[in-house]
Amino acid sequence: MSFDYKRMMKFEHNVGQKEKKYRLYAGAALLVISIFTAQILLLLVGLVLVATGYSGWCPAYSGLGKNTCTVADVVAAVVETPKADAPKADKKAK
């Protein structure tokens, strides 16, 4: 198995919805624990987990060619994202 640097720079979603939730919860827990224990390593790992969970992109997964994102996850992300060109509904004044 080789690490592909070119694939890593594409920034494609490669983290599924279920894993995003796990990363966000685990990252938030590590951030809270790091505040009380003053552990820098826990803080850094927590920040990485929250960032990758929020963005849906993991650079390590990209480099290794791993993808946990399913077709349903991609469709859900497209449906949830509002288009900038979409006209807004005008409310009629009475």
Foldseek 3Di string as FASTA:
>chain_A
DFFAPVQLPPLDQFAALVQLVVLQVQLVVLCVVCVVVVDVVSPVSSVLSNVCSVSNHDSRCRRVVHGPHDPVRVVVVVVPDDDPPDDDDDDDDD
